[in-house]
Amino acid sequence: MKTHRDLNVWKGSMDLVYEMYRITGSFPKTEIFGLTSQIRRAAVSIPANISEGSARRTSKEFRYFLRVSYGSLSELETLLTISTHLDYMTPENFENLREKIKLITVQLCNLMKALENKIQNQN
């Protein structure tokens, strides 16, 4: 039986979490309760909601949690944009992260579409 651990979108978002912790470790200590904390929370929320949704009983519930993950991914990109403008990370790092975020976005959207089709076919 497949679980969230088998989903490429979950694996990629877990890698993104580890990278966020590494990068925010070099942020100014004055940001520990600001951007650092928000970035880490948003990043962790992505795979956490994917795993919670996949454990739910229905496709509708799973889709809901994927939407929450999508929102956290969008929030993360905004926080990284702010961090770049404040010179807490290089534009090169930001662009590298944006590419990873784009890939996860596509994977999330494809999974949401597949679930939507499944829901429609059940009706």
C-alpha atoms as a PDB file:
ATOM      1  CA  MET A   1       0.000   0.000   0.000  1.00  0.00           C
ATOM      2  CA  LYS A   2       1.342   3.407  -0.970  1.00  0.00           C
ATOM      3  CA  THR A   3       1.761   6.203   1.552  1.00  0.00           C
ATOM      4  CA  HIS A   4       2.801   9.843   1.463  1.00  0.00           C
ATOM      5  CA  ARG A   5       6.424   8.664   1.596  1.00  0.00           C
ATOM      6  CA  ASP A   6       6.001   7.297  -1.936  1.00  0.00           C
ATOM      7  CA  LEU A   7       4.967  10.681  -3.367  1.00  0.00           C
ATOM      8  CA  ASN A   8       7.666  12.633  -5.194  1.00  0.00           C
ATOM      9  CA  VAL A   9       6.023  15.887  -4.114  1.00  0.00           C
ATOM     10  CA  TRP A  10       6.426  14.865  -0.466  1.00  0.00           C
ATOM     11  CA  LYS A  11      10.072  13.863  -0.994  1.00  0.00           C
ATOM     12  CA  GLY A  12      10.860  17.135  -2.775  1.00  0.00           C
ATOM     13  CA  SER A  13       9.140  19.212  -0.128  1.00  0.00           C
ATOM     14  CA  MET A  14      11.086  17.397   2.605  1.00  0.00           C
ATOM     15  CA  ASP A  15      14.327  18.293   0.818  1.00  0.00           C
ATOM     16  CA  LEU A  16      13.115  21.894   0.678  1.00  0.00           C
ATOM     17  CA  VAL A  17      12.558  21.872   4.468  1.00  0.00           C
ATOM     18  CA  TYR A  18      16.136  20.741   5.104  1.00  0.00           C
ATOM     19  CA  GLU A  19      17.433  23.432   2.786  1.00  0.00           C
ATOM     20  CA  MET A  20      15.348  26.110   4.532  1.00  0.00           C
ATOM     21  CA  TYR A  21      16.805  25.157   7.899  1.00  0.00           C
ATOM     22  CA  ARG A  22      20.319  25.270   6.475  1.00  0.00           C
ATOM     23  CA  ILE A  23      19.833  28.648   4.800  1.00  0.00           C
ATOM     24  CA  THR A  24      17.990  30.333   7.672  1.00  0.00           C
ATOM     25  CA  GLY A  25      20.744  29.202  10.035  1.00  0.00           C
ATOM     26  CA  SER A  26      22.847  32.028   8.598  1.00  0.00           C
ATOM     27  CA  PHE A  27      20.143  34.696   8.963  1.00  0.00           C
ATOM     28  CA  PRO A  28      20.739  37.441  11.538  1.00  0.00           C
ATOM     29  CA  LYS A  29      19.956  36.371  15.102  1.00  0.00           C
ATOM     30  CA  THR A  30      17.515  39.296  15.292  1.00  0.00           C
ATOM     31  CA  GLU A  31      15.328  37.359  12.821  1.00  0.00           C
ATOM     32  CA  ILE A  32      15.062  34.180  14.906  1.00  0.00           C
ATOM     33  CA  PHE A  33      11.475  35.047  15.906  1.00  0.00           C
ATOM     34  CA  GLY A  34      10.741  36.800  12.626  1.00  0.00           C
ATOM     35  CA  LEU A  35      11.593  35.616   9.134  1.00  0.00           C
ATOM     36  CA  THR A  36      13.606  32.596  10.260  1.00  0.00           C
ATOM     37  CA  SER A  37      10.702  31.195  12.236  1.00  0.00           C
ATOM     38  CA  GLN A  38       8.115  32.012   9.568  1.00  0.00           C
ATOM     39  CA  ILE A  39      10.190  30.478   6.767  1.00  0.00           C
ATOM     40  CA  ARG A  40      10.738  27.297   8.726  1.00  0.00           C
ATOM     41  CA  ARG A  41       7.054  27.004   9.692  1.00  0.00           C
ATOM     42  CA  ALA A  42       5.876  27.572   6.113  1.00  0.00           C
ATOM     43  CA  ALA A  43       8.384  25.038   4.759  1.00  0.00           C
ATOM     44  CA  VAL A  44       7.487  22.373   7.343  1.00  0.00           C
ATOM     45  CA  SER A  45       3.787  22.905   6.657  1.00  0.00           C
ATOM     46  CA  ILE A  46       4.155  21.738   3.045  1.00  0.00           C
ATOM     47  CA  PRO A  47       5.134  18.075   3.593  1.00  0.00           C
ATOM     48  CA  ALA A  48       3.222  17.925   6.882  1.00  0.00           C
ATOM     49  CA  ASN A  49      -0.057  18.730   5.134  1.00  0.00           C
ATOM     50  CA  ILE A  50       0.692  16.353   2.278  1.00  0.00           C
ATOM     51  CA  SER A  51       1.227  13.522   4.751  1.00  0.00           C
ATOM     52  CA  GLU A  52      -1.827  14.427   6.831  1.00  0.00           C
ATOM     53  CA  GLY A  53      -4.014  14.659   3.745  1.00  0.00           C
ATOM     54  CA  SER A  54      -2.846  11.342   2.351  1.00  0.00           C
ATOM     55  CA  ALA A  55      -3.826   9.684   5.620  1.00  0.00           C
ATOM     56  CA  ARG A  56      -7.398  10.971   5.364  1.00  0.00           C
ATOM     57  CA  ARG A  57     -10.179   8.715   4.221  1.00  0.00           C
ATOM     58  CA  THR A  58     -11.406  10.588   1.158  1.00  0.00           C
ATOM     59  CA  SER A  59      -9.965  12.223  -1.928  1.00  0.00           C
ATOM     60  CA  LYS A  60     -11.814  15.433  -1.041  1.00  0.00           C
ATOM     61  CA  GLU A  61     -10.048  15.632   2.293  1.00  0.00           C
ATOM     62  CA  PHE A  62      -6.682  14.888   0.680  1.00  0.00           C
ATOM     63  CA  ARG A  63      -7.285  17.612  -1.906  1.00  0.00           C
ATOM     64  CA  TYR A  64      -8.083  20.100   0.871  1.00  0.00           C
ATOM     65  CA  PHE A  65      -4.731  19.420   2.580  1.00  0.00           C
ATOM     66  CA  LEU A  66      -2.902  19.709  -0.731  1.00  0.00           C
ATOM     67  CA  ARG A  67      -4.448  23.161  -1.129  1.00  0.00           C
ATOM     68  CA  VAL A  68      -3.142  24.103   2.298  1.00  0.00           C
ATOM     69  CA  SER A  69       0.318  22.879   1.220  1.00  0.00           C
ATOM     70  CA  TYR A  70       0.017  24.979  -1.928  1.00  0.00           C
ATOM     71  CA  GLY A  71      -0.766  28.049   0.185  1.00  0.00           C
ATOM     72  CA  SER A  72       2.254  27.402   2.402  1.00  0.00           C
ATOM     73  CA  LEU A  73       4.437  27.050  -0.682  1.00  0.00           C
ATOM     74  CA  SER A  74       3.247  30.428  -1.946  1.00  0.00           C
ATOM     75  CA  GLU A  75       3.858  31.948   1.490  1.00  0.00           C
ATOM     76  CA  LEU A  76       7.368  30.490   1.507  1.00  0.00           C
ATOM     77  CA  GLU A  77       8.208  32.042  -1.852  1.00  0.00           C
ATOM     78  CA  THR A  78       7.062  35.457  -0.585  1.00  0.00           C
ATOM     79  CA  LEU A  79       9.150  35.134   2.582  1.00  0.00           C
ATOM     80  CA  LEU A  80      12.193  34.172   0.523  1.00  0.00           C
ATOM     81  CA  THR A  81      11.620  37.179  -1.733  1.00  0.00           C
ATOM     82  CA  ILE A  82      11.611  39.430   1.333  1.00  0.00           C
ATOM     83  CA  SER A  83      14.758  37.732   2.645  1.00  0.00           C
ATOM     84  CA  THR A  84      16.527  38.307  -0.644  1.00  0.00           C
ATOM     85  CA  HIS A  85      15.568  41.983  -0.717  1.00  0.00           C
ATOM     86  CA  LEU A  86      16.950  42.326   2.823  1.00  0.00           C
ATOM     87  CA  ASP A  87      20.215  40.708   1.624  1.00  0.00           C
ATOM     88  CA  TYR A  88      19.821  37.696   3.925  1.00  0.00           C
ATOM     89  CA  MET A  89      20.355  35.438   0.922  1.00  0.00           C
ATOM     90  CA  THR A  90      21.896  35.867  -2.491  1.00  0.00           C
ATOM     91  CA  PRO A  91      19.806  36.285  -5.629  1.00  0.00           C
ATOM     92  CA  GLU A  92      21.447  33.092  -6.930  1.00  0.00           C
ATOM     93  CA  ASN A  93      20.253  31.127  -3.887  1.00  0.00           C
ATOM     94  CA  PHE A  94      16.799  32.605  -4.309  1.00  0.00           C
ATOM     95  CA  GLU A  95      16.597  31.603  -7.984  1.00  0.00           C
ATOM     96  CA  ASN A  96      17.748  28.078  -7.151  1.00  0.00           C
ATOM     97  CA  LEU A  97      15.030  27.828  -4.505  1.00  0.00           C
ATOM     98  CA  ARG A  98      12.415  29.277  -6.860  1.00  0.00           C
ATOM     99  CA  GLU A  99      13.150  26.484  -9.335  1.00  0.00           C
ATOM    100  CA  LYS A 100      12.575  23.905  -6.611  1.00  0.00           C
ATOM    101  CA  ILE A 101       9.381  25.684  -5.574  1.00  0.00           C
ATOM    102  CA  LYS A 102       8.182  25.694  -9.200  1.00  0.00           C
ATOM    103  CA  LEU A 103       8.725  21.937  -9.454  1.00  0.00           C
ATOM    104  CA  ILE A 104       6.852  21.268  -6.213  1.00  0.00           C
ATOM    105  CA  THR A 105       4.064  23.583  -7.411  1.00  0.00           C
ATOM    106  CA  VAL A 106       3.656  21.591 -10.621  1.00  0.00           C
ATOM    107  CA  GLN A 107       3.667  18.311  -8.694  1.00  0.00           C
ATOM    108  CA  LEU A 108       1.056  19.592  -6.233  1.00  0.00           C
ATOM    109  CA  CYS A 109      -1.161  20.880  -9.055  1.00  0.00           C
ATOM    110  CA  ASN A 110      -0.925  17.579 -10.919  1.00  0.00           C
ATOM    111  CA  LEU A 111      -1.837  15.622  -7.801  1.00  0.00           C
ATOM    112  CA  MET A 112      -4.765  17.957  -7.083  1.00  0.00           C
ATOM    113  CA  LYS A 113      -5.986  17.515 -10.681  1.00  0.00           C
ATOM    114  CA  ALA A 114      -5.747  13.727 -10.388  1.00  0.00           C
ATOM    115  CA  LEU A 115      -7.748  13.811  -7.176  1.00  0.00           C
ATOM    116  CA  GLU A 116     -10.324  16.133  -8.763  1.00  0.00           C
ATOM    117  CA  ASN A 117     -10.744  13.684 -11.628  1.00  0.00           C
ATOM    118  CA  LYS A 118     -11.112  10.829  -9.189  1.00  0.00           C
ATOM    119  CA  ILE A 119     -13.758  12.745  -7.245  1.00  0.00           C
ATOM    120  CA  GLN A 120     -15.676  13.568 -10.445  1.00  0.00           C
ATOM    121  CA  ASN A 121     -15.556   9.956 -11.602  1.00  0.00           C
ATOM    122  CA  GLN A 122     -16.995   8.795  -8.304  1.00  0.00           C
ATOM    123  CA  ASN A 123     -20.075  10.997  -8.766  1.00  0.00           C
END
